[in-house]
Amino acid sequence: MGAQCKACGVPKTIGKTHVWRDGCIVDKASGRVALCIYEVYNHNTFVEEMGKQLGFSLDPIIYNASVHASRSVITDMLVPHPTLGKLAFSAPFYRMVEGLMCGIFKSIGTGCIDLCVHKKSEYARAYIDYPFNLIQCLAIVAGALQAVDGTRYTYRIVKSEDVTEVDFYPSSRKAEIEDVFERLSGAELTPRESSAAASFESCPKCGVPRELGELLSFDLPRGVIVKRQGGERVILGGIGSFNAMFRELERELGDSVDHISCGIEKESTKRNLVEAGLAGKAWGEGELRDYLALYGTGMLQKMEQDGEKLTLTMANVYVPSLVAGRLAGIWENWHQKECDNDFSVENNVLSMTVQPRT
């Protein structure tokens, strides 16, 4: 699982388990949207800035959403193979499965996670190094443990130095956790076939888009992914986790979440483009479609210019405010001026207008 493709450098496990289609990175086994390429700077800036603006920590929401997403990713891989799933999660084979899961975590850039002890349904210990975000890494481990033994875990940080040592144990808040878990299960993440198409060339050995290996460098021992141009750290983040997190935020705070998160993402995107040496970059429709689809953020259907107003339509968008913020950031970087934008979503289709601020 940990080996990298000799042709493109992408971990083989990504090509074996995922496919790029209809603007999404889709889990082959379940057919559901699974991942997107996302900058760690954007992720952690969003968590910090959103927490400041809302006046409370996002940690509990992030933890619950990511536990659910992690558990779903592991179980989705075994949906077509119920007999294998039963065998994999029974003694003594589940320890092999846990080792494979830690390899998957490294492949998607979460950091180096080592699950060193696990007594099913009772206790586990993990060591975490180079985490992209510690709370989410803790949730990823807890979700994976739940996939193995059905137990919902909470955690206690034993030691937080260069390497974080964490104990996991069954949560005592069963009723509350059950309610949250059921609520987070509701999203439909199966992409619709798109009339537009991205022009990717496949790696001849592993099948992932050749552009993926050109864009990213994978350091598997540390579980770190960086952009080859500029060295910025990214993750192959879970769409289910983002989707669930935003549903929880909207449940608490309503539509204001979309406006706030769009603005934060816009500023982070502008910063990233400048850091990558792309200040002032202009985009054609096909180039923008390929960029967005490679990142797994959706499929650009239409891009029309009417005077100074740009209209965009994107299908299979599962975290709309982040995609809208990215598009607004691309526009502002392109035109070197501030914009007003408006967007709406219906059946996971994003309709957006962007124009100079008046």
Protein backbone atom coordinates (compact mmCIF):
# COMPACT_ATOMS: atom_id res chain seq x y z
CA MET A 1 0.00 0.00 0.00
CA GLY A 2 2.86 2.36 0.81
CA ALA A 3 4.72 1.93 -2.50
CA GLN A 4 4.82 4.80 -4.97
CA CYS A 5 4.29 4.58 -8.71
CA LYS A 6 7.67 4.56 -10.43
CA ALA A 7 6.31 6.59 -13.33
CA CYS A 8 4.60 9.51 -11.54
CA GLY A 9 5.54 9.21 -7.85
CA VAL A 10 1.94 9.05 -6.61
CA PRO A 11 1.25 6.40 -3.93
CA LYS A 12 -0.12 3.28 -5.61
CA THR A 13 -2.93 3.02 -3.09
CA ILE A 14 -4.47 6.24 -4.47
CA GLY A 15 -4.65 4.87 -8.01
CA LYS A 16 -5.95 1.51 -6.78
CA THR A 17 -8.79 2.97 -4.74
CA HIS A 18 -9.75 6.25 -6.47
CA VAL A 19 -10.62 7.61 -9.90
CA TRP A 20 -10.88 11.19 -11.21
CA ARG A 21 -14.26 11.66 -12.93
CA ASP A 22 -16.96 14.28 -13.35
CA GLY A 23 -14.84 16.88 -11.53
CA CYS A 24 -14.44 14.68 -8.44
CA ILE A 25 -12.01 12.24 -6.85
CA VAL A 26 -14.25 9.20 -6.41
CA ASP A 27 -13.83 6.08 -4.29
CA LYS A 28 -13.93 3.16 -6.75
CA ALA A 29 -15.62 0.76 -4.33
CA SER A 30 -18.56 2.91 -3.23
CA GLY A 31 -18.84 5.33 -6.16
CA ARG A 32 -18.96 8.23 -3.70
CA VAL A 33 -16.93 11.42 -3.81
CA ALA A 34 -14.04 10.88 -1.41
CA LEU A 35 -11.19 13.41 -1.64
CA CYS A 36 -10.08 16.83 -2.81
CA ILE A 37 -6.66 18.44 -2.99
CA TYR A 38 -6.66 21.16 -0.36
CA GLU A 39 -3.95 23.46 0.94
CA VAL A 40 -3.09 22.99 4.62
CA TYR A 41 -2.73 26.77 4.92
CA ASN A 42 -6.33 27.21 3.71
CA HIS A 43 -7.60 24.54 6.08
CA ASN A 44 -5.92 25.85 9.21
CA THR A 45 -6.60 29.50 8.35
CA PHE A 46 -10.27 28.65 7.93
CA VAL A 47 -10.40 26.90 11.31
CA GLU A 48 -8.65 29.79 13.07
CA GLU A 49 -10.46 32.68 11.35
CA MET A 50 -13.91 31.08 11.47
CA GLY A 51 -13.43 30.38 15.17
CA LYS A 52 -12.46 34.01 15.79
CA GLN A 53 -15.45 35.38 13.89
CA LEU A 54 -17.92 33.00 15.52
CA GLY A 55 -16.46 33.33 19.01
CA PHE A 56 -16.00 29.63 19.77
CA SER A 57 -13.62 26.80 18.91
CA LEU A 58 -14.48 24.61 15.93
CA ASP A 59 -12.64 21.64 17.47
CA PRO A 60 -15.75 19.66 18.57
CA ILE A 61 -17.42 20.12 15.16
CA ILE A 62 -14.23 19.21 13.31
CA TYR A 63 -13.72 16.14 15.50
CA ASN A 64 -17.24 14.77 15.06
CA ALA A 65 -17.32 15.42 11.31
CA SER A 66 -13.90 13.88 10.71
CA VAL A 67 -14.61 10.80 12.85
CA HIS A 68 -17.66 10.11 10.75
CA ALA A 69 -15.83 10.70 7.47
CA SER A 70 -12.86 8.52 8.44
CA ARG A 71 -15.10 5.65 9.49
CA SER A 72 -17.08 5.97 6.23
CA VAL A 73 -13.94 5.94 4.06
CA ILE A 74 -12.69 2.70 5.64
CA THR A 75 -16.06 0.91 5.51
CA ASP A 76 -16.79 2.15 1.94
CA MET A 77 -13.65 0.39 0.73
CA LEU A 78 -15.12 -2.93 1.86
CA VAL A 79 -18.76 -2.44 0.77
CA PRO A 80 -18.36 -4.62 -2.35
CA HIS A 81 -16.52 -7.30 -0.31
CA PRO A 82 -18.60 -8.14 2.80
CA THR A 83 -16.85 -11.47 3.42
CA LEU A 84 -13.44 -9.83 3.18
CA GLY A 85 -14.67 -7.07 5.50
CA LYS A 86 -15.72 -9.60 8.13
CA LEU A 87 -12.40 -11.38 7.91
CA ALA A 88 -10.37 -8.14 7.90
CA PHE A 89 -11.91 -6.87 11.13
CA SER A 90 -11.59 -10.14 13.06
CA ALA A 91 -8.59 -11.26 15.11
CA PRO A 92 -5.77 -11.56 14.20
CA PHE A 93 -6.27 -9.92 10.81
CA TYR A 94 -7.51 -6.55 12.08
CA ARG A 95 -3.96 -5.59 13.11
CA MET A 96 -2.88 -5.99 9.49
CA VAL A 97 -5.81 -3.82 8.42
CA GLU A 98 -4.79 -1.14 10.91
CA GLY A 99 -1.28 -1.13 9.48
CA LEU A 100 -2.72 -0.67 6.00
CA MET A 101 -4.92 2.17 7.25
CA CYS A 102 -1.90 4.01 8.68
CA GLY A 103 -0.31 3.68 5.24
CA ILE A 104 -3.41 5.19 3.65
CA PHE A 105 -3.29 8.11 6.09
CA LYS A 106 0.30 8.81 5.03
CA SER A 107 -0.68 8.58 1.36
CA ILE A 108 -3.26 11.34 1.71
CA GLY A 109 -0.90 13.64 3.63
CA THR A 110 -2.33 13.60 7.15
CA GLY A 111 1.12 13.07 8.74
CA CYS A 112 2.82 10.04 10.26
CA ILE A 113 0.25 8.16 12.37
CA ASP A 114 1.36 4.99 14.16
CA LEU A 115 -1.35 2.94 15.89
CA CYS A 116 0.84 0.95 18.27
CA VAL A 117 -1.71 -0.61 20.67
CA HIS A 118 -5.34 -1.59 20.18
CA LYS A 119 -7.47 -3.74 22.48
CA LYS A 120 -10.73 -3.89 20.59
CA SER A 121 -13.56 -1.83 22.13
CA GLU A 122 -11.40 -1.02 25.16
CA TYR A 123 -8.30 1.05 24.48
CA ALA A 124 -5.84 2.22 21.82
CA ARG A 125 -2.65 4.27 21.73
CA ALA A 126 -1.29 6.23 18.78
CA TYR A 127 1.79 8.32 18.03
CA ILE A 128 1.30 11.25 15.65
CA ASP A 129 4.12 13.15 13.96
CA TYR A 130 3.94 15.91 11.31
CA PRO A 131 0.13 16.32 11.67
CA PHE A 132 -1.49 18.71 9.20
CA ASN A 133 -4.06 19.50 11.92
CA LEU A 134 -3.89 17.64 15.23
CA ILE A 135 -7.64 17.56 15.99
CA GLN A 136 -8.42 16.12 12.58
CA CYS A 137 -5.65 13.55 12.89
CA LEU A 138 -7.12 12.45 16.23
CA ALA A 139 -10.54 12.17 14.59
CA ILE A 140 -9.14 10.17 11.68
CA VAL A 141 -7.69 7.63 14.11
CA ALA A 142 -10.92 7.46 16.14
CA GLY A 143 -12.97 6.93 12.97
CA ALA A 144 -10.68 4.16 11.77
CA LEU A 145 -10.89 2.43 15.16
CA GLN A 146 -14.67 2.65 14.99
CA ALA A 147 -14.63 1.04 11.55
CA VAL A 148 -12.66 -1.87 13.00
CA ASP A 149 -14.57 -2.56 16.22
CA GLY A 150 -17.77 -0.47 16.13
CA THR A 151 -16.82 1.55 19.23
CA ARG A 152 -17.04 5.35 19.33
CA TYR A 153 -13.91 6.72 20.93
CA THR A 154 -12.80 9.87 22.65
CA TYR A 155 -9.17 10.69 23.42
CA ARG A 156 -6.65 11.98 25.95
CA ILE A 157 -3.36 13.55 24.88
CA VAL A 158 -0.69 11.94 27.05
CA LYS A 159 2.34 13.79 25.74
CA SER A 160 2.58 16.63 23.24
CA GLU A 161 6.17 17.21 22.19
CA ASP A 162 7.81 16.51 18.83
CA VAL A 163 5.66 13.40 18.59
CA THR A 164 2.17 13.50 20.12
CA GLU A 165 1.20 10.45 22.19
CA VAL A 166 -2.57 9.87 22.48
CA ASP A 167 -4.78 7.37 24.28
CA PHE A 168 -8.22 6.50 22.89
CA TYR A 169 -10.99 5.01 25.01
CA PRO A 170 -14.75 4.44 24.59
CA SER A 171 -16.85 7.56 24.93
CA SER A 172 -19.34 7.66 27.80
CA ARG A 173 -21.66 10.16 26.02
CA LYS A 174 -23.40 7.50 23.94
CA ALA A 175 -26.80 9.16 23.40
CA GLU A 176 -25.30 12.49 22.36
CA ILE A 177 -22.76 10.84 20.07
CA GLU A 178 -25.45 8.66 18.48
CA ASP A 179 -27.50 11.76 17.65
CA VAL A 180 -24.51 13.52 16.08
CA PHE A 181 -23.46 10.44 14.15
CA GLU A 182 -26.89 9.89 12.63
CA ARG A 183 -27.18 13.56 11.71
CA LEU A 184 -23.83 13.57 9.94
CA SER A 185 -24.74 10.51 7.85
CA GLY A 186 -27.26 12.25 5.63
CA ALA A 187 -25.31 13.74 2.71
CA GLU A 188 -25.54 12.22 -0.78
CA LEU A 189 -22.04 12.31 -2.28
CA THR A 190 -22.49 10.34 -5.50
CA PRO A 191 -21.55 12.57 -8.46
CA ARG A 192 -23.76 12.94 -11.50
CA GLU A 193 -22.33 12.34 -14.94
CA SER A 194 -21.18 15.67 -16.35
CA SER A 195 -21.61 16.89 -19.92
CA ALA A 196 -18.24 18.68 -19.69
CA ALA A 197 -14.94 16.84 -19.38
CA ALA A 198 -11.44 17.58 -18.13
CA SER A 199 -8.56 16.76 -20.47
CA PHE A 200 -6.32 14.63 -18.24
CA GLU A 201 -3.66 12.25 -19.50
CA SER A 202 -3.48 9.11 -17.36
CA CYS A 203 -0.25 7.78 -15.90
CA PRO A 204 0.48 4.63 -17.95
CA LYS A 205 1.39 2.63 -14.84
CA CYS A 206 -1.10 3.61 -12.08
CA GLY A 207 -3.88 5.39 -13.98
CA VAL A 208 -4.08 8.63 -11.96
CA PRO A 209 -3.95 11.89 -13.92
CA ARG A 210 -0.36 12.47 -15.03
CA GLU A 211 -0.78 16.08 -13.88
CA LEU A 212 -1.15 14.89 -10.28
CA GLY A 213 2.44 13.67 -10.15
CA GLU A 214 3.60 16.86 -11.84
CA LEU A 215 1.76 18.99 -9.28
CA LEU A 216 2.56 17.12 -6.03
CA SER A 217 5.51 15.46 -4.30
CA PHE A 218 4.73 12.69 -1.77
CA ASP A 219 6.95 12.05 1.28
CA LEU A 220 5.41 8.79 2.49
CA PRO A 221 7.57 8.14 5.59
CA ARG A 222 6.46 11.47 7.08
CA GLY A 223 2.97 11.47 5.56
CA VAL A 224 3.55 14.86 3.96
CA ILE A 225 2.47 16.08 0.49
CA VAL A 226 3.80 19.34 -0.97
CA LYS A 227 3.37 21.20 -4.22
CA ARG A 228 6.44 20.84 -6.40
CA GLN A 229 6.18 24.52 -7.31
CA GLY A 230 6.72 26.51 -4.12
CA GLY A 231 6.72 23.63 -1.62
CA GLU A 232 3.32 24.40 -0.08
CA ARG A 233 1.85 21.55 1.98
CA VAL A 234 -1.47 20.05 0.87
CA ILE A 235 -3.69 17.17 1.90
CA LEU A 236 -6.02 14.89 0.01
CA GLY A 237 -8.81 16.02 2.31
CA GLY A 238 -12.03 14.12 2.90
CA ILE A 239 -15.02 15.69 1.12
CA GLY A 240 -17.31 13.88 3.59
CA SER A 241 -15.54 15.57 6.48
CA PHE A 242 -15.80 19.05 4.94
CA ASN A 243 -19.43 18.47 3.96
CA ALA A 244 -20.40 17.27 7.44
CA MET A 245 -18.52 20.10 9.13
CA PHE A 246 -20.35 22.73 7.09
CA ARG A 247 -23.72 21.11 7.73
CA GLU A 248 -23.02 21.29 11.46
CA LEU A 249 -21.92 24.93 11.22
CA GLU A 250 -25.02 25.84 9.21
CA ARG A 251 -27.21 24.03 11.73
CA GLU A 252 -25.79 26.23 14.48
CA LEU A 253 -25.43 29.54 12.63
CA GLY A 254 -27.45 29.54 9.41
CA ASP A 255 -26.48 31.05 6.07
CA SER A 256 -23.90 33.45 7.52
CA VAL A 257 -21.43 30.55 7.51
CA ASP A 258 -21.37 30.54 3.68
CA HIS A 259 -20.52 34.23 3.49
CA ILE A 260 -17.78 34.05 6.13
CA SER A 261 -16.14 30.89 4.76
CA CYS A 262 -16.27 32.18 1.16
CA GLY A 263 -14.40 35.32 2.22
CA ILE A 264 -11.74 33.38 4.15
CA GLU A 265 -11.18 30.99 1.23
CA LYS A 266 -10.94 33.88 -1.24
CA GLU A 267 -8.12 35.53 0.70
CA SER A 268 -6.26 32.23 1.18
CA THR A 269 -6.53 31.44 -2.53
CA LYS A 270 -5.08 34.81 -3.52
CA ARG A 271 -2.19 34.28 -1.14
CA ASN A 272 -1.54 30.79 -2.57
CA LEU A 273 -1.48 32.02 -6.16
CA VAL A 274 1.00 34.77 -5.32
CA GLU A 275 3.19 32.31 -3.37
CA ALA A 276 3.20 30.01 -6.41
CA GLY A 277 4.36 32.85 -8.70
CA LEU A 278 0.95 33.13 -10.38
CA ALA A 279 0.07 36.73 -9.47
CA GLY A 280 -2.16 38.20 -12.19
CA LYS A 281 -2.66 34.86 -13.98
CA ALA A 282 -5.46 34.86 -16.58
CA TRP A 283 -7.56 31.72 -17.06
CA GLY A 284 -9.23 30.28 -20.12
CA GLU A 285 -12.34 28.14 -19.64
CA GLY A 286 -10.65 24.83 -20.45
CA GLU A 287 -7.63 25.54 -18.26
CA LEU A 288 -9.81 26.52 -15.31
CA ARG A 289 -11.98 23.42 -15.81
CA ASP A 290 -8.92 21.15 -15.72
CA TYR A 291 -7.51 22.89 -12.63
CA LEU A 292 -10.74 22.60 -10.64
CA ALA A 293 -11.35 19.00 -11.71
CA LEU A 294 -7.79 17.91 -10.85
CA TYR A 295 -8.30 19.31 -7.36
CA GLY A 296 -11.63 17.42 -7.10
CA THR A 297 -13.74 20.52 -6.45
CA GLY A 298 -16.32 19.98 -9.21
CA MET A 299 -16.75 20.21 -12.99
CA LEU A 300 -16.94 23.63 -14.62
CA GLN A 301 -19.85 23.53 -17.05
CA LYS A 302 -19.92 27.08 -18.33
CA MET A 303 -17.90 30.29 -18.05
CA GLU A 304 -19.31 33.39 -19.74
CA GLN A 305 -18.06 36.98 -19.77
CA ASP A 306 -20.64 39.79 -20.11
CA GLY A 307 -18.78 43.09 -19.93
CA GLU A 308 -17.03 43.01 -16.55
CA LYS A 309 -19.34 40.34 -15.12
CA LEU A 310 -18.25 36.69 -15.14
CA THR A 311 -20.85 33.93 -14.84
CA LEU A 312 -19.82 30.39 -13.88
CA THR A 313 -21.73 27.14 -13.51
CA MET A 314 -20.18 24.08 -11.84
CA ALA A 315 -21.61 20.59 -11.32
CA ASN A 316 -20.85 18.14 -8.50
CA VAL A 317 -19.93 20.78 -5.94
CA TYR A 318 -20.14 19.38 -2.41
CA VAL A 319 -18.56 22.21 -0.37
CA PRO A 320 -20.06 25.22 -2.20
CA SER A 321 -18.77 28.14 -0.12
CA LEU A 322 -15.16 26.93 -0.35
CA VAL A 323 -15.42 26.47 -4.13
CA ALA A 324 -17.08 29.88 -4.50
CA GLY A 325 -14.32 31.46 -2.38
CA ARG A 326 -11.66 29.81 -4.54
CA LEU A 327 -13.29 31.13 -7.71
CA ALA A 328 -13.56 34.63 -6.24
CA GLY A 329 -9.89 34.50 -5.22
CA ILE A 330 -8.88 33.40 -8.74
CA TRP A 331 -10.88 36.30 -10.22
CA GLU A 332 -9.37 38.92 -7.87
CA ASN A 333 -5.85 37.63 -8.50
CA TRP A 334 -6.53 37.66 -12.25
CA HIS A 335 -7.95 41.20 -12.42
CA GLN A 336 -5.99 42.66 -9.48
CA LYS A 337 -9.10 44.29 -8.01
CA GLU A 338 -11.73 43.43 -5.42
CA CYS A 339 -14.94 41.74 -6.49
CA ASP A 340 -18.54 41.29 -5.47
CA ASN A 341 -19.84 37.76 -5.90
CA ASP A 342 -23.12 35.97 -5.53
CA PHE A 343 -23.72 32.23 -5.65
CA SER A 344 -26.47 29.68 -5.19
CA VAL A 345 -26.58 25.88 -5.18
CA GLU A 346 -29.24 23.46 -6.37
CA ASN A 347 -28.72 19.69 -6.65
CA ASN A 348 -24.97 20.24 -6.07
CA VAL A 349 -24.78 22.63 -9.05
CA LEU A 350 -23.13 25.94 -8.20
CA SER A 351 -24.26 29.06 -10.10
CA MET A 352 -22.05 32.10 -9.47
CA THR A 353 -21.51 35.64 -10.75
CA VAL A 354 -18.35 37.67 -10.10
CA GLN A 355 -17.86 41.34 -11.00
CA PRO A 356 -15.82 44.35 -9.88
CA ARG A 357 -16.82 45.76 -6.49
CA THR A 358 -19.01 48.84 -6.78
